Amino acid sequence: MRATNRGTTGLKPKRRSEDPMRAYDNLPAPVRAWLSEATLPWSPASCRKIVRRAQARGEGLEQILARLDRAEQKTLARDSTYAFAASKAATPLTHQDRPT
């Protein structure tokens, strides 16, 4: 495990194939706000993938943000370096609970 500008995490890093700033700018504003407050260092491409799948299912913005919250909780539960992951996964925060 190593500390980088992504923070200390045991999750495997992934290579980028696009400009992350352009991908971030192309996300809807509420998703960008969620991303800026996320506990983990999410990539814009990962968020875009979740958003597109949810939109294809006809989900609205609230449902998309809830889906992002669930994905983050699931990832936190997998990452053993976060001591609070187990308790957070048991009582997940929603985007509405996050400070603004």
Protein backbone atom coordinates (compact mmCIF):
# COMPACT_ATOMS: atom_id res chain seq x y z
CA MET A 1 0.00 0.00 0.00
CA ARG A 2 1.30 3.45 -0.82
CA ALA A 3 0.31 7.03 -0.21
CA THR A 4 -0.14 9.15 -3.32
CA ASN A 5 -2.14 12.21 -4.26
CA ARG A 6 -5.13 9.84 -4.39
CA GLY A 7 -4.77 9.21 -0.68
CA THR A 8 -3.91 5.93 0.98
CA THR A 9 -5.89 3.08 -0.47
CA GLY A 10 -5.45 -0.60 -1.11
CA LEU A 11 -7.52 -0.48 -4.29
CA LYS A 12 -5.72 -1.11 -7.56
CA PRO A 13 -4.99 2.05 -9.63
CA LYS A 14 -6.28 2.20 -13.19
CA ARG A 15 -4.87 3.86 -16.29
CA ARG A 16 -6.61 6.84 -17.90
CA SER A 17 -7.42 6.87 -21.58
CA GLU A 18 -8.94 10.35 -21.78
CA ASP A 19 -8.54 13.85 -20.37
CA PRO A 20 -10.05 13.64 -16.87
CA MET A 21 -10.80 17.38 -16.71
CA ARG A 22 -12.81 17.27 -19.93
CA ALA A 23 -14.68 14.21 -18.66
CA TYR A 24 -15.37 16.02 -15.36
CA ASP A 25 -16.64 19.13 -17.15
CA ASN A 26 -19.01 17.01 -19.26
CA LEU A 27 -20.75 15.52 -16.21
CA PRO A 28 -24.08 17.03 -15.05
CA ALA A 29 -23.60 19.69 -12.34
CA PRO A 30 -25.20 17.63 -9.51
CA VAL A 31 -22.93 14.69 -10.33
CA ARG A 32 -19.88 17.00 -10.32
CA ALA A 33 -20.99 18.24 -6.89
CA TRP A 34 -21.33 14.64 -5.68
CA LEU A 35 -17.91 13.80 -7.09
CA SER A 36 -16.27 16.76 -5.34
CA GLU A 37 -17.63 15.56 -1.98
CA ALA A 38 -17.04 11.84 -2.47
CA THR A 39 -15.10 9.96 0.20
CA LEU A 40 -13.04 8.07 -2.37
CA PRO A 41 -11.12 9.48 -5.36
CA TRP A 42 -13.66 8.62 -8.07
CA SER A 43 -12.76 9.16 -11.70
CA PRO A 44 -15.14 11.14 -13.90
CA ALA A 45 -15.19 8.15 -16.27
CA SER A 46 -16.46 5.85 -13.50
CA CYS A 47 -19.20 8.31 -12.61
CA ARG A 48 -20.14 8.79 -16.25
CA LYS A 49 -20.48 5.00 -16.65
CA ILE A 50 -22.86 4.80 -13.68
CA VAL A 51 -24.82 7.85 -14.89
CA ARG A 52 -25.22 6.51 -18.43
CA ARG A 53 -26.42 3.11 -17.23
CA ALA A 54 -28.94 4.75 -14.90
CA GLN A 55 -30.16 7.11 -17.64
CA ALA A 56 -30.59 4.15 -20.00
CA ARG A 57 -32.90 2.62 -17.38
CA GLY A 58 -34.89 5.86 -17.28
CA GLU A 59 -33.76 6.88 -13.79
CA GLY A 60 -33.97 10.49 -12.68
CA LEU A 61 -31.28 12.62 -11.06
CA GLU A 62 -32.21 11.67 -7.47
CA GLN A 63 -32.02 7.99 -8.36
CA ILE A 64 -28.68 8.50 -10.11
CA LEU A 65 -27.20 10.23 -7.07
CA ALA A 66 -28.52 7.45 -4.83
CA ARG A 67 -26.93 4.91 -7.17
CA LEU A 68 -23.59 6.74 -6.88
CA ASP A 69 -23.93 6.69 -3.07
CA ARG A 70 -24.55 2.93 -3.13
CA ALA A 71 -21.58 2.34 -5.43
CA GLU A 72 -19.34 4.32 -3.09
CA GLN A 73 -20.57 2.42 -0.03
CA LYS A 74 -19.93 -0.87 -1.81
CA THR A 75 -16.40 0.23 -2.75
CA LEU A 76 -15.70 1.44 0.79
CA ALA A 77 -16.76 -1.93 2.13
CA ARG A 78 -14.24 -3.62 -0.23
CA ASP A 79 -11.35 -1.30 0.73
CA SER A 80 -9.84 -2.65 3.94
CA THR A 81 -7.65 0.44 4.48
CA TYR A 82 -10.67 2.46 5.58
CA ALA A 83 -11.18 1.54 9.22
CA PHE A 84 -14.68 2.98 9.18
CA ALA A 85 -15.75 1.16 6.02
CA ALA A 86 -17.69 -1.57 7.79
CA SER A 87 -19.68 0.84 9.92
CA LYS A 88 -20.27 3.20 6.99
CA ALA A 89 -21.51 0.35 4.83
CA ALA A 90 -23.96 -0.59 7.56
CA THR A 91 -25.38 2.95 7.76
CA PRO A 92 -24.84 4.51 4.34
CA LEU A 93 -24.90 8.25 3.81
CA THR A 94 -27.03 9.52 1.00
CA HIS A 95 -26.23 12.56 -1.09
CA GLN A 96 -28.86 14.41 0.94
CA ASP A 97 -26.92 13.75 4.18
CA ARG A 98 -23.67 15.23 2.86
CA PRO A 99 -22.72 18.72 4.02
CA THR A 100 -23.16 21.41 1.40
